[in-house]
Protein backbone atom coordinates (compact mmCIF):
# COMPACT_ATOMS: atom_id res chain seq x y z
CA UNK A 1 0.00 0.00 0.00
CA UNK A 2 1.27 3.46 -0.84
CA UNK A 3 2.04 5.85 1.96
CA UNK A 4 -0.11 8.90 2.52
CA UNK A 5 2.75 11.07 1.24
CA UNK A 6 2.20 9.65 -2.26
CA UNK A 7 -1.39 10.89 -2.40
CA UNK A 8 -2.26 14.05 -4.29
CA UNK A 9 -2.59 17.30 -2.42
CA UNK A 10 -5.82 19.27 -2.20
CA UNK A 11 -6.91 20.55 -5.58
CA UNK A 12 -5.35 17.67 -7.56
CA UNK A 13 -8.24 15.52 -8.72
CA UNK A 14 -6.04 13.03 -10.56
CA UNK A 15 -6.19 10.49 -7.76
CA UNK A 16 -6.96 7.09 -9.28
CA UNK A 17 -9.93 4.96 -8.31
CA UNK A 18 -7.53 2.26 -7.08
CA UNK A 19 -5.79 4.80 -4.82
CA UNK A 20 -9.16 5.89 -3.44
CA UNK A 21 -10.12 2.28 -2.61
CA UNK A 22 -6.89 1.94 -0.59
CA UNK A 23 -7.45 5.03 1.58
CA UNK A 24 -7.96 4.20 5.24
CA UNK A 25 -11.74 3.80 5.49
CA UNK A 26 -11.55 3.20 9.27
CA UNK A 27 -9.90 6.59 9.85
CA UNK A 28 -12.42 8.30 7.58
CA UNK A 29 -15.46 6.85 9.37
CA UNK A 30 -14.04 7.90 12.75
CA UNK A 31 -13.28 11.39 11.40
CA UNK A 32 -16.90 11.89 10.30
CA UNK A 33 -18.28 10.76 13.64
CA UNK A 34 -18.45 6.96 13.47
CA UNK A 35 -18.27 5.28 16.87
CA UNK A 36 -15.91 2.28 16.91
CA UNK A 37 -17.46 -0.78 18.61
CA UNK A 38 -14.38 -2.63 19.81
CA UNK A 39 -16.27 -5.52 21.47
CA UNK A 40 -18.04 -6.36 18.20
CA UNK A 41 -14.91 -6.01 16.04
CA UNK A 42 -12.26 -8.57 15.16
CA UNK A 43 -9.03 -8.95 13.23
CA UNK A 44 -11.18 -9.36 10.10
CA UNK A 45 -13.03 -6.06 10.37
CA UNK A 46 -14.37 -3.28 12.53
CA UNK A 47 -17.91 -2.34 13.44
CA UNK A 48 -18.95 1.31 13.61
CA UNK A 49 -22.17 2.96 14.72
CA UNK A 50 -22.81 5.85 12.34
CA UNK A 51 -25.69 8.11 11.32
CA UNK A 52 -25.90 5.88 8.22
CA UNK A 53 -26.41 2.69 10.26
CA UNK A 54 -24.09 0.05 11.67
CA UNK A 55 -21.19 -0.38 9.25
CA UNK A 56 -18.96 -3.44 9.15
CA UNK A 57 -15.71 -2.37 7.47
CA UNK A 58 -13.09 -4.91 6.57
CA UNK A 59 -9.63 -4.57 5.10
CA UNK A 60 -8.56 -7.07 2.44
CA UNK A 61 -4.90 -7.71 3.19
CA UNK A 62 -4.29 -9.24 -0.26
CA UNK A 63 -5.55 -6.28 -2.29
CA UNK A 64 -5.16 -3.43 0.20
CA UNK A 65 -8.78 -2.39 -0.36
CA UNK A 66 -11.38 -1.58 2.29
CA UNK A 67 -14.98 -2.82 1.93
CA UNK A 68 -18.09 -1.94 3.91
CA UNK A 69 -21.42 -3.55 4.55
CA UNK A 70 -24.26 -1.59 6.13
CA UNK A 71 -25.85 -3.97 8.62
CA UNK A 72 -28.82 -1.60 8.96
CA UNK A 73 -29.67 -1.37 5.25
CA UNK A 74 -29.79 -4.45 3.05
CA UNK A 75 -27.89 -4.09 -0.22
CA UNK A 76 -25.79 -1.15 0.94
CA UNK A 77 -22.20 -2.32 0.57
CA UNK A 78 -19.04 -1.74 -1.45
CA UNK A 79 -15.87 0.33 -1.31
CA UNK A 80 -15.28 3.86 -0.06
CA UNK A 81 -16.34 5.04 -3.52
CA UNK A 82 -19.78 3.46 -3.13
CA UNK A 83 -20.10 4.82 0.40
CA UNK A 84 -19.35 8.38 -0.67
CA UNK A 85 -21.71 8.11 -3.64
CA UNK A 86 -24.53 6.63 -1.54
CA UNK A 87 -24.23 8.62 1.68
CA UNK A 88 -22.08 11.73 1.33
CA UNK A 89 -22.71 13.07 -2.17
CA UNK A 90 -25.90 11.09 -2.81
CA UNK A 91 -25.11 10.86 -6.53
CA UNK A 92 -23.11 8.48 -8.69
CA UNK A 93 -20.57 10.79 -10.28
CA UNK A 94 -16.94 9.59 -10.12
CA UNK A 95 -15.57 13.05 -10.94
CA UNK A 96 -17.32 14.50 -7.91
CA UNK A 97 -16.10 11.59 -5.77
CA UNK A 98 -12.50 12.32 -6.84
CA UNK A 99 -12.97 16.01 -6.05
CA UNK A 100 -14.50 15.24 -2.63
CA UNK A 101 -11.68 12.80 -1.77
CA UNK A 102 -8.97 15.22 -2.89
CA UNK A 103 -10.47 18.02 -0.81
CA UNK A 104 -10.86 15.78 2.27
CA UNK A 105 -7.66 13.70 2.26
CA UNK A 106 -6.89 14.86 5.80
CA UNK A 107 -9.84 12.75 7.03
CA UNK A 108 -8.09 9.55 5.90
CA UNK A 109 -4.80 10.15 7.72
C-alpha atoms as a PDB file:
ATOM      1  CA  UNK A   1       0.000   0.000   0.000  1.00  0.00           C
ATOM      2  CA  UNK A   2       1.274   3.457  -0.844  1.00  0.00           C
ATOM      3  CA  UNK A   3       2.036   5.851   1.964  1.00  0.00           C
ATOM      4  CA  UNK A   4      -0.111   8.896   2.522  1.00  0.00           C
ATOM      5  CA  UNK A   5       2.745  11.070   1.243  1.00  0.00           C
ATOM      6  CA  UNK A   6       2.202   9.651  -2.257  1.00  0.00           C
ATOM      7  CA  UNK A   7      -1.395  10.887  -2.403  1.00  0.00           C
ATOM      8  CA  UNK A   8      -2.261  14.049  -4.294  1.00  0.00           C
ATOM      9  CA  UNK A   9      -2.586  17.301  -2.425  1.00  0.00           C
ATOM     10  CA  UNK A  10      -5.821  19.271  -2.203  1.00  0.00           C
ATOM     11  CA  UNK A  11      -6.912  20.546  -5.578  1.00  0.00           C
ATOM     12  CA  UNK A  12      -5.346  17.670  -7.557  1.00  0.00           C
ATOM     13  CA  UNK A  13      -8.239  15.524  -8.716  1.00  0.00           C
ATOM     14  CA  UNK A  14      -6.040  13.026 -10.564  1.00  0.00           C
ATOM     15  CA  UNK A  15      -6.194  10.487  -7.758  1.00  0.00           C
ATOM     16  CA  UNK A  16      -6.961   7.087  -9.282  1.00  0.00           C
ATOM     17  CA  UNK A  17      -9.932   4.958  -8.310  1.00  0.00           C
ATOM     18  CA  UNK A  18      -7.527   2.264  -7.075  1.00  0.00           C
ATOM     19  CA  UNK A  19      -5.788   4.799  -4.816  1.00  0.00           C
ATOM     20  CA  UNK A  20      -9.158   5.886  -3.440  1.00  0.00           C
ATOM     21  CA  UNK A  21     -10.119   2.282  -2.612  1.00  0.00           C
ATOM     22  CA  UNK A  22      -6.889   1.942  -0.595  1.00  0.00           C
ATOM     23  CA  UNK A  23      -7.446   5.027   1.576  1.00  0.00           C
ATOM     24  CA  UNK A  24      -7.963   4.202   5.243  1.00  0.00           C
ATOM     25  CA  UNK A  25     -11.737   3.803   5.487  1.00  0.00           C
ATOM     26  CA  UNK A  26     -11.545   3.204   9.268  1.00  0.00           C
ATOM     27  CA  UNK A  27      -9.901   6.587   9.852  1.00  0.00           C
ATOM     28  CA  UNK A  28     -12.423   8.298   7.583  1.00  0.00           C
ATOM     29  CA  UNK A  29     -15.455   6.851   9.371  1.00  0.00           C
ATOM     30  CA  UNK A  30     -14.042   7.900  12.753  1.00  0.00           C
ATOM     31  CA  UNK A  31     -13.277  11.388  11.400  1.00  0.00           C
ATOM     32  CA  UNK A  32     -16.895  11.892  10.304  1.00  0.00           C
ATOM     33  CA  UNK A  33     -18.277  10.756  13.643  1.00  0.00           C
ATOM     34  CA  UNK A  34     -18.447   6.963  13.466  1.00  0.00           C
ATOM     35  CA  UNK A  35     -18.269   5.284  16.874  1.00  0.00           C
ATOM     36  CA  UNK A  36     -15.914   2.276  16.911  1.00  0.00           C
ATOM     37  CA  UNK A  37     -17.465  -0.775  18.610  1.00  0.00           C
ATOM     38  CA  UNK A  38     -14.384  -2.631  19.808  1.00  0.00           C
ATOM     39  CA  UNK A  39     -16.269  -5.522  21.470  1.00  0.00           C
ATOM     40  CA  UNK A  40     -18.042  -6.362  18.198  1.00  0.00           C
ATOM     41  CA  UNK A  41     -14.912  -6.011  16.044  1.00  0.00           C
ATOM     42  CA  UNK A  42     -12.263  -8.571  15.160  1.00  0.00           C
ATOM     43  CA  UNK A  43      -9.028  -8.946  13.234  1.00  0.00           C
ATOM     44  CA  UNK A  44     -11.179  -9.357  10.104  1.00  0.00           C
ATOM     45  CA  UNK A  45     -13.031  -6.064  10.367  1.00  0.00           C
ATOM     46  CA  UNK A  46     -14.370  -3.281  12.531  1.00  0.00           C
ATOM     47  CA  UNK A  47     -17.913  -2.340  13.443  1.00  0.00           C
ATOM     48  CA  UNK A  48     -18.953   1.307  13.605  1.00  0.00           C
ATOM     49  CA  UNK A  49     -22.169   2.958  14.716  1.00  0.00           C
ATOM     50  CA  UNK A  50     -22.806   5.849  12.340  1.00  0.00           C
ATOM     51  CA  UNK A  51     -25.692   8.112  11.325  1.00  0.00           C
ATOM     52  CA  UNK A  52     -25.902   5.880   8.219  1.00  0.00           C
ATOM     53  CA  UNK A  53     -26.407   2.690  10.257  1.00  0.00           C
ATOM     54  CA  UNK A  54     -24.091   0.053  11.668  1.00  0.00           C
ATOM     55  CA  UNK A  55     -21.192  -0.375   9.246  1.00  0.00           C
ATOM     56  CA  UNK A  56     -18.960  -3.440   9.148  1.00  0.00           C
ATOM     57  CA  UNK A  57     -15.714  -2.368   7.471  1.00  0.00           C
ATOM     58  CA  UNK A  58     -13.086  -4.909   6.568  1.00  0.00           C
ATOM     59  CA  UNK A  59      -9.632  -4.570   5.100  1.00  0.00           C
ATOM     60  CA  UNK A  60      -8.557  -7.065   2.444  1.00  0.00           C
ATOM     61  CA  UNK A  61      -4.897  -7.709   3.186  1.00  0.00           C
ATOM     62  CA  UNK A  62      -4.292  -9.242  -0.258  1.00  0.00           C
ATOM     63  CA  UNK A  63      -5.554  -6.285  -2.286  1.00  0.00           C
ATOM     64  CA  UNK A  64      -5.162  -3.429   0.204  1.00  0.00           C
ATOM     65  CA  UNK A  65      -8.777  -2.394  -0.360  1.00  0.00           C
ATOM     66  CA  UNK A  66     -11.381  -1.584   2.294  1.00  0.00           C
ATOM     67  CA  UNK A  67     -14.978  -2.823   1.932  1.00  0.00           C
ATOM     68  CA  UNK A  68     -18.085  -1.937   3.913  1.00  0.00           C
ATOM     69  CA  UNK A  69     -21.422  -3.548   4.550  1.00  0.00           C
ATOM     70  CA  UNK A  70     -24.255  -1.587   6.134  1.00  0.00           C
ATOM     71  CA  UNK A  71     -25.855  -3.966   8.618  1.00  0.00           C
ATOM     72  CA  UNK A  72     -28.820  -1.596   8.963  1.00  0.00           C
ATOM     73  CA  UNK A  73     -29.675  -1.370   5.254  1.00  0.00           C
ATOM     74  CA  UNK A  74     -29.785  -4.455   3.047  1.00  0.00           C
ATOM     75  CA  UNK A  75     -27.892  -4.095  -0.217  1.00  0.00           C
ATOM     76  CA  UNK A  76     -25.786  -1.149   0.942  1.00  0.00           C
ATOM     77  CA  UNK A  77     -22.199  -2.322   0.569  1.00  0.00           C
ATOM     78  CA  UNK A  78     -19.037  -1.738  -1.445  1.00  0.00           C
ATOM     79  CA  UNK A  79     -15.873   0.332  -1.311  1.00  0.00           C
ATOM     80  CA  UNK A  80     -15.277   3.861  -0.058  1.00  0.00           C
ATOM     81  CA  UNK A  81     -16.336   5.042  -3.523  1.00  0.00           C
ATOM     82  CA  UNK A  82     -19.777   3.461  -3.132  1.00  0.00           C
ATOM     83  CA  UNK A  83     -20.098   4.821   0.400  1.00  0.00           C
ATOM     84  CA  UNK A  84     -19.355   8.384  -0.666  1.00  0.00           C
ATOM     85  CA  UNK A  85     -21.707   8.114  -3.637  1.00  0.00           C
ATOM     86  CA  UNK A  86     -24.531   6.635  -1.544  1.00  0.00           C
ATOM     87  CA  UNK A  87     -24.230   8.619   1.678  1.00  0.00           C
ATOM     88  CA  UNK A  88     -22.084  11.730   1.330  1.00  0.00           C
ATOM     89  CA  UNK A  89     -22.712  13.066  -2.172  1.00  0.00           C
ATOM     90  CA  UNK A  90     -25.900  11.085  -2.813  1.00  0.00           C
ATOM     91  CA  UNK A  91     -25.111  10.859  -6.528  1.00  0.00           C
ATOM     92  CA  UNK A  92     -23.109   8.476  -8.694  1.00  0.00           C
ATOM     93  CA  UNK A  93     -20.566  10.794 -10.282  1.00  0.00           C
ATOM     94  CA  UNK A  94     -16.942   9.592 -10.123  1.00  0.00           C
ATOM     95  CA  UNK A  95     -15.574  13.047 -10.941  1.00  0.00           C
ATOM     96  CA  UNK A  96     -17.324  14.499  -7.909  1.00  0.00           C
ATOM     97  CA  UNK A  97     -16.098  11.585  -5.772  1.00  0.00           C
ATOM     98  CA  UNK A  98     -12.501  12.319  -6.839  1.00  0.00           C
ATOM     99  CA  UNK A  99     -12.971  16.008  -6.051  1.00  0.00           C
ATOM    100  CA  UNK A 100     -14.498  15.238  -2.632  1.00  0.00           C
ATOM    101  CA  UNK A 101     -11.679  12.798  -1.767  1.00  0.00           C
ATOM    102  CA  UNK A 102      -8.966  15.217  -2.894  1.00  0.00           C
ATOM    103  CA  UNK A 103     -10.469  18.024  -0.811  1.00  0.00           C
ATOM    104  CA  UNK A 104     -10.858  15.777   2.266  1.00  0.00           C
ATOM    105  CA  UNK A 105      -7.658  13.698   2.263  1.00  0.00           C
ATOM    106  CA  UNK A 106      -6.892  14.863   5.805  1.00  0.00           C
ATOM    107  CA  UNK A 107      -9.837  12.746   7.033  1.00  0.00           C
ATOM    108  CA  UNK A 108      -8.094   9.546   5.901  1.00  0.00           C
ATOM    109  CA  UNK A 109      -4.798  10.148   7.724  1.00  0.00           C
END
